[in-house]
Amino acid sequence: IRCALSATVNKELIKSRGHIFKEAPLILDSKLESLSKIKEVSEVFKKINLAKELDRINVKKIRAGKGKNRGRKYKIKKGPLLVVSDSCALEKSAKNFLGVDICKVNKLNVELLAPGTEPGRLTIYTDKSLEKLSKENLFM
């Protein structure tokens, strides 16, 4: 998990996964956690230059083969991961985006940070989550 956490800062690994971004370690203000509407969250994504990333992950393709019959009909790309400090209104509004995951900092795991065992997922941290990560010595 430490390896996957450190890969979220490496620009080359993030680009190799196919993410479209301008700045690699995205750390936003804790006011982001108070957003309760999907329109507000999409405006924030546009302000931090992630509009192309949202267009990239908004594609939902039908899987080839027998996986369709077994409950895995659609293939959805992985987008940015939002890491928050505690439960908040953002959890409910951000999960409406295809491919965008949201997680509390103490519930982080390798599958969220490196889906498909491929490190370097684009991760957006709030400043409170980073404080909690360092204060409680999580994953150290």
N, C-alpha and C. Protein backbone atom coordinates (compact mmCIF):
# COMPACT_ATOMS: atom_id res chain seq x y z
N ILE A 1 0.83 -1.20 0.00
CA ILE A 1 0.00 0.00 0.00
C ILE A 1 0.87 1.26 0.00
N ARG A 2 2.05 1.19 0.62
CA ARG A 2 2.94 2.35 0.59
C ARG A 2 3.42 2.62 -0.83
N CYS A 3 3.67 1.58 -1.55
CA CYS A 3 4.12 1.71 -2.94
C CYS A 3 3.02 2.35 -3.79
N ALA A 4 1.79 1.91 -3.59
CA ALA A 4 0.67 2.46 -4.35
C ALA A 4 0.41 3.92 -3.97
N LEU A 5 0.60 4.26 -2.69
CA LEU A 5 0.44 5.65 -2.25
C LEU A 5 1.50 6.54 -2.88
N SER A 6 2.73 6.08 -2.93
CA SER A 6 3.79 6.90 -3.52
C SER A 6 3.64 7.02 -5.03
N ALA A 7 2.99 6.05 -5.67
CA ALA A 7 2.79 6.11 -7.12
C ALA A 7 1.74 7.13 -7.50
N THR A 8 0.90 7.57 -6.56
CA THR A 8 -0.12 8.58 -6.87
C THR A 8 0.49 9.96 -7.07
N VAL A 9 1.77 10.12 -6.77
CA VAL A 9 2.45 11.40 -6.93
C VAL A 9 3.32 11.42 -8.18
N ASN A 10 3.66 10.25 -8.71
CA ASN A 10 4.56 10.13 -9.85
C ASN A 10 3.80 10.42 -11.15
N LYS A 11 4.17 11.49 -11.85
CA LYS A 11 3.46 11.91 -13.06
C LYS A 11 3.58 10.89 -14.18
N GLU A 12 4.74 10.26 -14.32
CA GLU A 12 4.95 9.31 -15.41
C GLU A 12 4.06 8.07 -15.25
N LEU A 13 3.92 7.58 -14.02
CA LEU A 13 3.08 6.42 -13.79
C LEU A 13 1.61 6.75 -14.02
N ILE A 14 1.21 7.95 -13.65
CA ILE A 14 -0.19 8.35 -13.83
C ILE A 14 -0.51 8.49 -15.32
N LYS A 15 0.42 9.06 -16.09
CA LYS A 15 0.20 9.19 -17.54
C LYS A 15 0.19 7.84 -18.22
N SER A 16 0.97 6.89 -17.71
CA SER A 16 1.02 5.57 -18.34
C SER A 16 -0.31 4.83 -18.18
N ARG A 17 -1.10 5.18 -17.17
CA ARG A 17 -2.43 4.59 -17.01
C ARG A 17 -3.47 5.20 -17.95
N GLY A 18 -3.14 6.35 -18.57
CA GLY A 18 -4.05 6.97 -19.53
C GLY A 18 -4.81 8.16 -18.99
N HIS A 19 -4.50 8.59 -17.79
CA HIS A 19 -5.19 9.75 -17.23
C HIS A 19 -4.76 11.03 -17.95
N ILE A 20 -5.69 11.97 -18.07
CA ILE A 20 -5.42 13.26 -18.72
C ILE A 20 -5.48 14.33 -17.64
N PHE A 21 -4.34 14.98 -17.35
CA PHE A 21 -4.26 15.95 -16.26
C PHE A 21 -3.13 16.92 -16.54
N LYS A 22 -3.04 17.97 -15.72
CA LYS A 22 -1.95 18.94 -15.84
C LYS A 22 -1.02 18.91 -14.64
N GLU A 23 -1.57 18.76 -13.43
CA GLU A 23 -0.77 18.72 -12.21
C GLU A 23 -0.95 17.36 -11.55
N ALA A 24 0.14 16.79 -11.04
CA ALA A 24 0.05 15.43 -10.51
C ALA A 24 -0.45 15.36 -9.07
N PRO A 25 0.25 15.87 -8.08
CA PRO A 25 -0.34 15.73 -6.74
C PRO A 25 -1.43 16.78 -6.54
N LEU A 26 -2.67 16.39 -6.70
CA LEU A 26 -3.79 17.32 -6.56
C LEU A 26 -4.24 17.36 -5.11
N ILE A 27 -4.02 18.49 -4.46
CA ILE A 27 -4.42 18.69 -3.08
C ILE A 27 -5.36 19.89 -3.06
N LEU A 28 -6.61 19.64 -2.68
CA LEU A 28 -7.61 20.70 -2.69
C LEU A 28 -8.02 21.07 -1.27
N ASP A 29 -8.70 22.18 -1.16
CA ASP A 29 -9.17 22.68 0.13
C ASP A 29 -10.24 21.75 0.69
N SER A 30 -10.41 21.76 1.98
CA SER A 30 -11.41 20.88 2.62
C SER A 30 -12.85 21.34 2.35
N LYS A 31 -13.02 22.50 1.73
CA LYS A 31 -14.37 22.95 1.35
C LYS A 31 -14.98 22.02 0.31
N LEU A 32 -14.13 21.28 -0.38
CA LEU A 32 -14.62 20.32 -1.38
C LEU A 32 -15.52 19.26 -0.74
N GLU A 33 -15.26 18.92 0.52
CA GLU A 33 -16.04 17.90 1.20
C GLU A 33 -17.47 18.34 1.48
N SER A 34 -17.74 19.63 1.43
CA SER A 34 -19.08 20.13 1.73
C SER A 34 -19.99 20.22 0.50
N LEU A 35 -19.45 19.92 -0.69
CA LEU A 35 -20.26 20.01 -1.91
C LEU A 35 -21.27 18.87 -1.95
N SER A 36 -22.53 19.23 -2.17
CA SER A 36 -23.57 18.20 -2.13
C SER A 36 -24.27 17.99 -3.48
N LYS A 37 -23.97 18.82 -4.47
CA LYS A 37 -24.62 18.69 -5.76
C LYS A 37 -23.60 18.28 -6.82
N ILE A 38 -24.04 17.46 -7.74
CA ILE A 38 -23.14 16.96 -8.78
C ILE A 38 -22.68 18.08 -9.71
N LYS A 39 -23.51 19.10 -9.89
CA LYS A 39 -23.15 20.23 -10.74
C LYS A 39 -21.98 21.00 -10.13
N GLU A 40 -21.98 21.17 -8.81
CA GLU A 40 -20.88 21.86 -8.13
C GLU A 40 -19.58 21.08 -8.26
N VAL A 41 -19.68 19.76 -8.13
CA VAL A 41 -18.48 18.92 -8.22
C VAL A 41 -17.92 18.95 -9.64
N SER A 42 -18.80 18.94 -10.64
CA SER A 42 -18.31 18.99 -12.02
C SER A 42 -17.65 20.34 -12.33
N GLU A 43 -18.14 21.42 -11.73
CA GLU A 43 -17.51 22.73 -11.91
C GLU A 43 -16.12 22.75 -11.30
N VAL A 44 -15.95 22.10 -10.16
CA VAL A 44 -14.63 22.02 -9.53
C VAL A 44 -13.68 21.22 -10.41
N PHE A 45 -14.17 20.12 -10.98
CA PHE A 45 -13.33 19.32 -11.88
C PHE A 45 -12.90 20.14 -13.10
N LYS A 46 -13.80 20.98 -13.61
CA LYS A 46 -13.46 21.81 -14.76
C LYS A 46 -12.44 22.88 -14.38
N LYS A 47 -12.54 23.42 -13.16
CA LYS A 47 -11.60 24.45 -12.72
C LYS A 47 -10.20 23.90 -12.53
N ILE A 48 -10.08 22.63 -12.16
CA ILE A 48 -8.75 22.05 -11.97
C ILE A 48 -8.29 21.28 -13.21
N ASN A 49 -8.90 21.60 -14.36
CA ASN A 49 -8.52 21.08 -15.67
C ASN A 49 -8.68 19.56 -15.79
N LEU A 50 -9.78 19.03 -15.29
CA LEU A 50 -10.06 17.60 -15.43
C LEU A 50 -11.28 17.35 -16.30
N ALA A 51 -11.66 18.30 -17.13
CA ALA A 51 -12.83 18.12 -18.00
C ALA A 51 -12.57 17.04 -19.04
N LYS A 52 -11.35 17.00 -19.61
CA LYS A 52 -11.02 15.96 -20.59
C LYS A 52 -10.98 14.58 -19.93
N GLU A 53 -10.56 14.54 -18.69
CA GLU A 53 -10.54 13.26 -17.96
C GLU A 53 -11.96 12.74 -17.75
N LEU A 54 -12.88 13.62 -17.43
CA LEU A 54 -14.27 13.21 -17.26
C LEU A 54 -14.89 12.74 -18.57
N ASP A 55 -14.51 13.37 -19.68
CA ASP A 55 -14.99 12.91 -20.98
C ASP A 55 -14.41 11.54 -21.32
N ARG A 56 -13.15 11.30 -20.93
CA ARG A 56 -12.50 10.02 -21.21
C ARG A 56 -13.18 8.87 -20.48
N ILE A 57 -13.57 9.09 -19.23
CA ILE A 57 -14.13 7.99 -18.44
C ILE A 57 -15.64 7.88 -18.58
N ASN A 58 -16.27 8.81 -19.29
CA ASN A 58 -17.72 8.78 -19.41
C ASN A 58 -18.20 7.77 -20.45
N VAL A 59 -17.28 7.04 -21.07
CA VAL A 59 -17.62 6.04 -22.09
C VAL A 59 -17.91 4.71 -21.40
N LYS A 60 -19.03 4.11 -21.75
CA LYS A 60 -19.43 2.83 -21.17
C LYS A 60 -19.61 1.84 -22.31
N LYS A 61 -18.69 0.87 -22.43
CA LYS A 61 -18.70 -0.07 -23.54
C LYS A 61 -19.25 -1.42 -23.12
N ILE A 62 -19.84 -2.13 -24.06
CA ILE A 62 -20.34 -3.47 -23.80
C ILE A 62 -19.19 -4.45 -23.99
N ARG A 63 -19.01 -5.31 -23.01
CA ARG A 63 -17.93 -6.28 -23.00
C ARG A 63 -18.14 -7.35 -24.09
N ALA A 64 -17.04 -7.82 -24.66
CA ALA A 64 -17.10 -8.91 -25.63
C ALA A 64 -17.06 -10.24 -24.88
N GLY A 65 -17.70 -11.24 -25.43
CA GLY A 65 -17.61 -12.58 -24.86
C GLY A 65 -18.73 -12.91 -23.90
N LYS A 66 -18.52 -13.98 -23.14
CA LYS A 66 -19.56 -14.51 -22.27
C LYS A 66 -19.69 -13.77 -20.95
N GLY A 67 -18.80 -12.82 -20.70
CA GLY A 67 -18.90 -12.04 -19.48
C GLY A 67 -20.19 -11.26 -19.39
N LYS A 68 -20.79 -10.97 -20.54
CA LYS A 68 -22.07 -10.26 -20.58
C LYS A 68 -23.15 -11.06 -19.88
N ASN A 69 -23.13 -12.36 -20.05
CA ASN A 69 -24.15 -13.22 -19.46
C ASN A 69 -23.91 -13.46 -17.98
N ARG A 70 -22.72 -13.16 -17.52
CA ARG A 70 -22.34 -13.48 -16.14
C ARG A 70 -22.33 -12.25 -15.23
N GLY A 71 -23.04 -11.22 -15.62
CA GLY A 71 -23.19 -10.07 -14.75
C GLY A 71 -22.11 -9.02 -14.89
N ARG A 72 -21.28 -9.11 -15.93
CA ARG A 72 -20.22 -8.12 -16.16
C ARG A 72 -20.40 -7.54 -17.56
N LYS A 73 -21.55 -6.97 -17.83
CA LYS A 73 -21.90 -6.55 -19.19
C LYS A 73 -21.10 -5.35 -19.67
N TYR A 74 -20.88 -4.36 -18.81
CA TYR A 74 -20.25 -3.11 -19.24
C TYR A 74 -18.82 -2.99 -18.73
N LYS A 75 -17.97 -2.37 -19.56
CA LYS A 75 -16.61 -2.03 -19.16
C LYS A 75 -16.59 -0.53 -18.89
N ILE A 76 -16.15 -0.14 -17.70
CA ILE A 76 -16.10 1.26 -17.32
C ILE A 76 -14.66 1.59 -16.93
N LYS A 77 -14.11 2.66 -17.48
CA LYS A 77 -12.74 3.06 -17.18
C LYS A 77 -12.66 3.66 -15.78
N LYS A 78 -11.48 3.52 -15.17
CA LYS A 78 -11.25 4.10 -13.85
C LYS A 78 -10.80 5.54 -14.00
N GLY A 79 -11.42 6.41 -13.25
CA GLY A 79 -11.09 7.83 -13.26
C GLY A 79 -10.37 8.22 -11.98
N PRO A 80 -10.50 9.47 -11.58
CA PRO A 80 -9.81 9.93 -10.37
C PRO A 80 -10.41 9.35 -9.10
N LEU A 81 -9.58 9.25 -8.09
CA LEU A 81 -9.99 8.80 -6.76
C LEU A 81 -9.98 10.01 -5.84
N LEU A 82 -11.08 10.24 -5.16
CA LEU A 82 -11.18 11.35 -4.20
C LEU A 82 -10.97 10.80 -2.81
N VAL A 83 -10.01 11.35 -2.08
CA VAL A 83 -9.72 10.92 -0.72
C VAL A 83 -10.15 12.02 0.23
N VAL A 84 -11.09 11.69 1.14
CA VAL A 84 -11.61 12.66 2.11
C VAL A 84 -11.27 12.20 3.51
N SER A 85 -11.44 13.10 4.48
CA SER A 85 -11.05 12.77 5.85
C SER A 85 -12.11 11.96 6.59
N ASP A 86 -13.37 12.37 6.49
CA ASP A 86 -14.47 11.68 7.17
C ASP A 86 -15.67 11.62 6.24
N SER A 87 -16.76 11.04 6.73
CA SER A 87 -17.97 11.00 5.91
C SER A 87 -18.48 12.42 5.70
N CYS A 88 -18.91 12.71 4.47
CA CYS A 88 -19.31 14.06 4.12
C CYS A 88 -20.34 14.01 2.99
N ALA A 89 -20.80 15.18 2.59
CA ALA A 89 -21.80 15.27 1.53
C ALA A 89 -21.23 14.92 0.17
N LEU A 90 -19.92 15.05 0.01
CA LEU A 90 -19.27 14.76 -1.26
C LEU A 90 -19.38 13.29 -1.63
N GLU A 91 -19.46 12.42 -0.63
CA GLU A 91 -19.56 10.98 -0.90
C GLU A 91 -20.79 10.65 -1.73
N LYS A 92 -21.88 11.30 -1.42
CA LYS A 92 -23.14 11.02 -2.10
C LYS A 92 -23.17 11.63 -3.50
N SER A 93 -22.60 12.82 -3.66
CA SER A 93 -22.67 13.49 -4.96
C SER A 93 -21.62 12.98 -5.94
N ALA A 94 -20.44 12.64 -5.49
CA ALA A 94 -19.37 12.23 -6.40
C ALA A 94 -19.52 10.81 -6.91
N LYS A 95 -20.28 9.99 -6.22
CA LYS A 95 -20.40 8.61 -6.70
C LYS A 95 -21.33 8.50 -7.90
N ASN A 96 -21.97 9.61 -8.31
CA ASN A 96 -22.80 9.61 -9.51
C ASN A 96 -21.99 9.70 -10.79
N PHE A 97 -20.71 10.06 -10.70
CA PHE A 97 -19.84 10.09 -11.87
C PHE A 97 -19.38 8.67 -12.19
N LEU A 98 -19.39 8.31 -13.47
CA LEU A 98 -18.87 7.02 -13.88
C LEU A 98 -17.36 6.99 -13.69
N GLY A 99 -16.84 5.96 -13.05
CA GLY A 99 -15.41 5.78 -12.91
C GLY A 99 -14.75 6.55 -11.79
N VAL A 100 -15.45 7.48 -11.16
CA VAL A 100 -14.88 8.25 -10.06
C VAL A 100 -15.22 7.55 -8.75
N ASP A 101 -14.20 7.27 -7.95
CA ASP A 101 -14.40 6.64 -6.65
C ASP A 101 -14.09 7.64 -5.56
N ILE A 102 -14.72 7.46 -4.41
CA ILE A 102 -14.46 8.32 -3.26
C ILE A 102 -14.23 7.41 -2.05
N CYS A 103 -13.27 7.80 -1.21
CA CYS A 103 -12.88 6.93 -0.11
C CYS A 103 -12.42 7.79 1.06
N LYS A 104 -12.71 7.29 2.27
CA LYS A 104 -12.16 7.93 3.47
C LYS A 104 -10.70 7.54 3.59
N VAL A 105 -9.90 8.40 4.21
CA VAL A 105 -8.46 8.18 4.25
C VAL A 105 -8.09 6.93 5.05
N ASN A 106 -8.86 6.59 6.07
CA ASN A 106 -8.51 5.40 6.86
C ASN A 106 -9.02 4.11 6.21
N LYS A 107 -9.79 4.21 5.13
CA LYS A 107 -10.30 3.04 4.42
C LYS A 107 -9.58 2.81 3.09
N LEU A 108 -8.47 3.51 2.86
CA LEU A 108 -7.73 3.33 1.61
C LEU A 108 -7.21 1.90 1.51
N ASN A 109 -7.22 1.36 0.30
CA ASN A 109 -6.64 0.05 0.08
C ASN A 109 -5.96 0.01 -1.28
N VAL A 110 -5.27 -1.08 -1.53
CA VAL A 110 -4.47 -1.19 -2.75
C VAL A 110 -5.36 -1.27 -3.98
N GLU A 111 -6.52 -1.88 -3.88
CA GLU A 111 -7.39 -2.01 -5.04
C GLU A 111 -7.90 -0.65 -5.50
N LEU A 112 -8.08 0.30 -4.58
CA LEU A 112 -8.50 1.64 -4.97
C LEU A 112 -7.33 2.45 -5.53
N LEU A 113 -6.15 2.31 -4.93
CA LEU A 113 -5.00 3.10 -5.35
C LEU A 113 -4.34 2.57 -6.61
N ALA A 114 -4.40 1.26 -6.82
CA ALA A 114 -3.79 0.64 -7.99
C ALA A 114 -4.74 -0.41 -8.56
N PRO A 115 -5.80 0.02 -9.24
CA PRO A 115 -6.76 -0.96 -9.77
C PRO A 115 -6.14 -1.85 -10.84
N GLY A 116 -6.42 -3.12 -10.75
CA GLY A 116 -5.84 -4.07 -11.69
C GLY A 116 -4.35 -4.25 -11.48
N THR A 117 -3.86 -4.01 -10.29
CA THR A 117 -2.45 -4.11 -9.89
C THR A 117 -1.55 -3.20 -10.72
N GLU A 118 -2.09 -2.14 -11.27
CA GLU A 118 -1.32 -1.19 -12.05
C GLU A 118 -1.25 0.13 -11.28
N PRO A 119 -0.10 0.47 -10.71
CA PRO A 119 -0.01 1.67 -9.86
C PRO A 119 -0.08 2.96 -10.67
N GLY A 120 -0.43 4.05 -9.98
CA GLY A 120 -0.43 5.36 -10.61
C GLY A 120 -1.80 5.89 -10.93
N ARG A 121 -2.76 5.71 -10.06
CA ARG A 121 -4.09 6.26 -10.32
C ARG A 121 -4.10 7.74 -9.95
N LEU A 122 -4.80 8.54 -10.72
CA LEU A 122 -4.94 9.96 -10.44
C LEU A 122 -5.75 10.12 -9.16
N THR A 123 -5.15 10.73 -8.15
CA THR A 123 -5.77 10.83 -6.83
C THR A 123 -5.87 12.29 -6.42
N ILE A 124 -7.03 12.66 -5.91
CA ILE A 124 -7.27 14.02 -5.43
C ILE A 124 -7.45 13.95 -3.92
N TYR A 125 -6.56 14.60 -3.19
CA TYR A 125 -6.60 14.60 -1.73
C TYR A 125 -7.17 15.94 -1.25
N THR A 126 -7.89 15.91 -0.13
CA THR A 126 -8.23 17.15 0.55
C THR A 126 -7.15 17.41 1.60
N ASP A 127 -6.99 18.65 2.01
CA ASP A 127 -5.92 18.95 2.96
C ASP A 127 -6.19 18.31 4.33
N LYS A 128 -7.45 18.16 4.71
CA LYS A 128 -7.76 17.49 5.98
C LYS A 128 -7.38 16.01 5.93
N SER A 129 -7.54 15.39 4.78
CA SER A 129 -7.20 13.97 4.68
C SER A 129 -5.69 13.77 4.79
N LEU A 130 -4.91 14.69 4.22
CA LEU A 130 -3.45 14.57 4.35
C LEU A 130 -3.00 14.83 5.79
N GLU A 131 -3.67 15.77 6.47
CA GLU A 131 -3.35 16.00 7.88
C GLU A 131 -3.64 14.76 8.71
N LYS A 132 -4.77 14.13 8.45
CA LYS A 132 -5.15 12.92 9.18
C LYS A 132 -4.19 11.78 8.86
N LEU A 133 -3.74 11.70 7.63
CA LEU A 133 -2.80 10.66 7.22
C LEU A 133 -1.49 10.80 7.97
N SER A 134 -0.99 12.03 8.12
CA SER A 134 0.27 12.23 8.82
C SER A 134 0.12 12.22 10.33
N LYS A 135 -1.00 12.74 10.82
CA LYS A 135 -1.20 12.81 12.27
C LYS A 135 -1.37 11.42 12.90
N GLU A 136 -2.12 10.54 12.25
CA GLU A 136 -2.38 9.22 12.79
C GLU A 136 -1.39 8.17 12.31
N ASN A 137 -0.38 8.60 11.52
CA ASN A 137 0.63 7.68 10.97
C ASN A 137 -0.01 6.49 10.27
N LEU A 138 -0.99 6.76 9.42
CA LEU A 138 -1.65 5.70 8.68
C LEU A 138 -0.72 5.15 7.61
N PHE A 139 -0.65 3.86 7.47
CA PHE A 139 0.11 3.14 6.45
C PHE A 139 1.61 3.41 6.53
N MET A 140 2.11 3.73 7.71
CA MET A 140 3.56 3.95 7.87
C MET A 140 4.20 2.83 8.67
